[in-house]
């Protein structure tokens, strides 16, 4: 039996379903062409029906159920109430949708940023070793 807090968390996690489906959809397409899961003709004819079956097999609800204890661990009930309140807000939904794209962009920026500073960072470590 789920607690009230767990029910609220489930409501929040519903917003992630579309995002996870998009990720699975993208992975299935990539795997079908890059890893030869399907023959050439099958890969090109990867239909919505096939992708739907792949998504069903992925058991997104089961995955989201595993997220509940993580939310319980990191958020109080008052914080969960706030998240439930805003979870349908267009800005919150936009944030959820854009988060994977933004993480990719942040990683690219960080790679350039730190790549340009590696020599200085190494010098700092070397100076520390000399002490």
C-alpha atoms as a PDB file:
ATOM      1  CA  UNK A   1       0.000   0.000   0.000  1.00  0.00           C
ATOM      2  CA  UNK A   2       1.408   3.373  -1.008  1.00  0.00           C
ATOM      3  CA  UNK A   3       1.675   6.233   1.458  1.00  0.00           C
ATOM      4  CA  UNK A   4       0.267   9.664   0.600  1.00  0.00           C
ATOM      5  CA  UNK A   5       3.794  10.910   0.004  1.00  0.00           C
ATOM      6  CA  UNK A   6       4.489   8.052  -2.431  1.00  0.00           C
ATOM      7  CA  UNK A   7       1.249   8.819  -4.315  1.00  0.00           C
ATOM      8  CA  UNK A   8       2.301  12.450  -4.633  1.00  0.00           C
ATOM      9  CA  UNK A   9       5.725  11.409  -5.921  1.00  0.00           C
ATOM     10  CA  UNK A  10       4.076   9.119  -8.491  1.00  0.00           C
ATOM     11  CA  UNK A  11       2.086  12.128  -9.709  1.00  0.00           C
ATOM     12  CA  UNK A  12       5.299  14.127 -10.168  1.00  0.00           C
ATOM     13  CA  UNK A  13       6.991  11.265 -11.984  1.00  0.00           C
ATOM     14  CA  UNK A  14       4.163  11.015 -14.516  1.00  0.00           C
ATOM     15  CA  UNK A  15       5.689  14.076 -16.189  1.00  0.00           C
ATOM     16  CA  UNK A  16       8.849  12.061 -16.894  1.00  0.00           C
ATOM     17  CA  UNK A  17       7.096   9.356 -18.922  1.00  0.00           C
ATOM     18  CA  UNK A  18       7.147  11.289 -22.182  1.00  0.00           C
ATOM     19  CA  UNK A  19      10.787  12.214 -21.738  1.00  0.00           C
ATOM     20  CA  UNK A  20      11.783   8.610 -21.036  1.00  0.00           C
ATOM     21  CA  UNK A  21       9.754   7.395 -24.031  1.00  0.00           C
ATOM     22  CA  UNK A  22      11.603   9.887 -26.234  1.00  0.00           C
ATOM     23  CA  UNK A  23      14.955   8.608 -24.943  1.00  0.00           C
ATOM     24  CA  UNK A  24      13.977   4.982 -25.537  1.00  0.00           C
ATOM     25  CA  UNK A  25      12.652   5.854 -28.993  1.00  0.00           C
ATOM     26  CA  UNK A  26      15.929   7.557 -29.863  1.00  0.00           C
ATOM     27  CA  UNK A  27      18.021   4.683 -28.460  1.00  0.00           C
ATOM     28  CA  UNK A  28      15.976   2.101 -30.359  1.00  0.00           C
ATOM     29  CA  UNK A  29      16.502   3.952 -33.627  1.00  0.00           C
ATOM     30  CA  UNK A  30      20.224   4.346 -32.962  1.00  0.00           C
ATOM     31  CA  UNK A  31      20.642   0.717 -31.919  1.00  0.00           C
ATOM     32  CA  UNK A  32      18.666  -0.505 -34.900  1.00  0.00           C
ATOM     33  CA  UNK A  33      21.053   1.135 -37.327  1.00  0.00           C
ATOM     34  CA  UNK A  34      24.372   1.209 -35.441  1.00  0.00           C
ATOM     35  CA  UNK A  35      24.291  -2.171 -33.763  1.00  0.00           C
ATOM     36  CA  UNK A  36      22.501  -4.176 -36.446  1.00  0.00           C
ATOM     37  CA  UNK A  37      19.603  -5.223 -34.244  1.00  0.00           C
ATOM     38  CA  UNK A  38      17.581  -5.323 -37.409  1.00  0.00           C
ATOM     39  CA  UNK A  39      18.535  -5.993 -41.008  1.00  0.00           C
ATOM     40  CA  UNK A  40      18.891  -2.937 -43.240  1.00  0.00           C
ATOM     41  CA  UNK A  41      15.339  -3.103 -44.531  1.00  0.00           C
ATOM     42  CA  UNK A  42      13.891  -3.734 -41.058  1.00  0.00           C
ATOM     43  CA  UNK A  43      15.856  -0.818 -39.623  1.00  0.00           C
ATOM     44  CA  UNK A  44      14.454   1.545 -42.215  1.00  0.00           C
ATOM     45  CA  UNK A  45      10.938   0.308 -41.604  1.00  0.00           C
ATOM     46  CA  UNK A  46      11.081   0.721 -37.843  1.00  0.00           C
ATOM     47  CA  UNK A  47       7.436   1.548 -37.353  1.00  0.00           C
ATOM     48  CA  UNK A  48       5.609   3.250 -34.555  1.00  0.00           C
ATOM     49  CA  UNK A  49       4.117  -0.157 -33.748  1.00  0.00           C
ATOM     50  CA  UNK A  50       7.565  -1.738 -33.289  1.00  0.00           C
ATOM     51  CA  UNK A  51       8.808   1.226 -31.291  1.00  0.00           C
ATOM     52  CA  UNK A  52       5.658   1.066 -29.168  1.00  0.00           C
ATOM     53  CA  UNK A  53       6.390  -2.589 -28.415  1.00  0.00           C
ATOM     54  CA  UNK A  54       9.974  -1.683 -27.447  1.00  0.00           C
ATOM     55  CA  UNK A  55       8.716   1.067 -25.145  1.00  0.00           C
ATOM     56  CA  UNK A  56       6.179  -1.300 -23.563  1.00  0.00           C
ATOM     57  CA  UNK A  57       8.952  -3.856 -22.987  1.00  0.00           C
ATOM     58  CA  UNK A  58      11.054  -1.160 -21.312  1.00  0.00           C
ATOM     59  CA  UNK A  59       8.480  -0.995 -18.462  1.00  0.00           C
ATOM     60  CA  UNK A  60       8.701   2.731 -17.817  1.00  0.00           C
ATOM     61  CA  UNK A  61       6.274   2.518 -14.898  1.00  0.00           C
ATOM     62  CA  UNK A  62       8.562  -0.049 -13.260  1.00  0.00           C
ATOM     63  CA  UNK A  63      11.495   2.314 -13.718  1.00  0.00           C
ATOM     64  CA  UNK A  64       9.584   5.254 -12.266  1.00  0.00           C
ATOM     65  CA  UNK A  65       8.524   3.107  -9.294  1.00  0.00           C
ATOM     66  CA  UNK A  66      12.232   2.715  -8.527  1.00  0.00           C
ATOM     67  CA  UNK A  67      12.601   6.508  -8.471  1.00  0.00           C
ATOM     68  CA  UNK A  68      10.064   6.936  -5.636  1.00  0.00           C
ATOM     69  CA  UNK A  69      12.481   6.057  -2.776  1.00  0.00           C
ATOM     70  CA  UNK A  70      15.029   8.501  -4.213  1.00  0.00           C
ATOM     71  CA  UNK A  71      12.477  11.310  -4.036  1.00  0.00           C
ATOM     72  CA  UNK A  72      11.467  10.209  -0.539  1.00  0.00           C
ATOM     73  CA  UNK A  73      15.098  10.330   0.540  1.00  0.00           C
ATOM     74  CA  UNK A  74      15.824  13.816  -0.800  1.00  0.00           C
ATOM     75  CA  UNK A  75      12.540  15.728  -0.413  1.00  0.00           C
ATOM     76  CA  UNK A  76      10.349  16.483   2.568  1.00  0.00           C
ATOM     77  CA  UNK A  77       6.588  16.121   2.254  1.00  0.00           C
ATOM     78  CA  UNK A  78       6.234  19.927   2.043  1.00  0.00           C
ATOM     79  CA  UNK A  79       8.713  19.999  -0.830  1.00  0.00           C
ATOM     80  CA  UNK A  80       6.839  17.171  -2.561  1.00  0.00           C
ATOM     81  CA  UNK A  81       3.606  19.156  -2.140  1.00  0.00           C
ATOM     82  CA  UNK A  82       5.261  22.121  -3.861  1.00  0.00           C
ATOM     83  CA  UNK A  83       6.507  19.935  -6.715  1.00  0.00           C
ATOM     84  CA  UNK A  84       3.014  18.502  -7.158  1.00  0.00           C
ATOM     85  CA  UNK A  85       1.656  22.043  -7.265  1.00  0.00           C
ATOM     86  CA  UNK A  86       4.010  23.165 -10.036  1.00  0.00           C
ATOM     87  CA  UNK A  87       4.393  19.890 -11.958  1.00  0.00           C
ATOM     88  CA  UNK A  88       1.746  20.826 -14.525  1.00  0.00           C
ATOM     89  CA  UNK A  89       3.026  24.373 -15.011  1.00  0.00           C
ATOM     90  CA  UNK A  90       4.228  25.044 -18.578  1.00  0.00           C
ATOM     91  CA  UNK A  91       7.623  26.315 -17.398  1.00  0.00           C
ATOM     92  CA  UNK A  92       8.209  23.202 -15.298  1.00  0.00           C
ATOM     93  CA  UNK A  93       7.197  20.965 -18.216  1.00  0.00           C
ATOM     94  CA  UNK A  94       9.536  22.922 -20.487  1.00  0.00           C
ATOM     95  CA  UNK A  95      12.370  22.402 -18.007  1.00  0.00           C
ATOM     96  CA  UNK A  96      11.717  18.653 -17.957  1.00  0.00           C
ATOM     97  CA  UNK A  97      11.635  18.501 -21.739  1.00  0.00           C
ATOM     98  CA  UNK A  98      14.796  20.553 -22.213  1.00  0.00           C
ATOM     99  CA  UNK A  99      16.892  19.052 -19.412  1.00  0.00           C
ATOM    100  CA  UNK A 100      18.523  16.282 -21.529  1.00  0.00           C
ATOM    101  CA  UNK A 101      19.366  18.779 -24.281  1.00  0.00           C
ATOM    102  CA  UNK A 102      20.729  21.264 -21.771  1.00  0.00           C
ATOM    103  CA  UNK A 103      22.851  18.604 -20.056  1.00  0.00           C
ATOM    104  CA  UNK A 104      24.402  17.731 -23.415  1.00  0.00           C
ATOM    105  CA  UNK A 105      25.095  21.406 -24.114  1.00  0.00           C
ATOM    106  CA  UNK A 106      26.545  21.909 -20.627  1.00  0.00           C
ATOM    107  CA  UNK A 107      28.853  18.903 -21.118  1.00  0.00           C
ATOM    108  CA  UNK A 108      30.137  20.349 -24.408  1.00  0.00           C
ATOM    109  CA  UNK A 109      30.755  23.730 -22.772  1.00  0.00           C
ATOM    110  CA  UNK A 110      32.539  22.096 -19.821  1.00  0.00           C
ATOM    111  CA  UNK A 111      34.724  20.046 -22.131  1.00  0.00           C
ATOM    112  CA  UNK A 112      35.847  23.178 -23.975  1.00  0.00           C
ATOM    113  CA  UNK A 113      36.193  25.196 -20.774  1.00  0.00           C
ATOM    114  CA  UNK A 114      38.330  22.665 -18.939  1.00  0.00           C
ATOM    115  CA  UNK A 115      40.181  21.625 -22.087  1.00  0.00           C
ATOM    116  CA  UNK A 116      41.438  25.180 -22.422  1.00  0.00           C
ATOM    117  CA  UNK A 117      42.519  25.211 -18.779  1.00  0.00           C
ATOM    118  CA  UNK A 118      44.161  21.819 -18.393  1.00  0.00           C
ATOM    119  CA  UNK A 119      47.681  23.241 -18.578  1.00  0.00           C
ATOM    120  CA  UNK A 120      46.916  25.803 -15.862  1.00  0.00           C
ATOM    121  CA  UNK A 121      45.260  23.131 -13.720  1.00  0.00           C
ATOM    122  CA  UNK A 122      48.273  20.823 -14.140  1.00  0.00           C
ATOM    123  CA  UNK A 123      50.611  23.704 -13.198  1.00  0.00           C
ATOM    124  CA  UNK A 124      48.568  24.272 -10.023  1.00  0.00           C
ATOM    125  CA  UNK A 125      48.911  20.604  -9.090  1.00  0.00           C
ATOM    126  CA  UNK A 126      52.641  20.639  -9.880  1.00  0.00           C
ATOM    127  CA  UNK A 127      53.131  23.712  -7.644  1.00  0.00           C
ATOM    128  CA  UNK A 128      51.288  21.952  -4.854  1.00  0.00           C
ATOM    129  CA  UNK A 129      53.522  18.872  -5.237  1.00  0.00           C
ATOM    130  CA  UNK A 130      56.596  21.104  -4.909  1.00  0.00           C
ATOM    131  CA  UNK A 131      55.543  22.313  -1.470  1.00  0.00           C
END
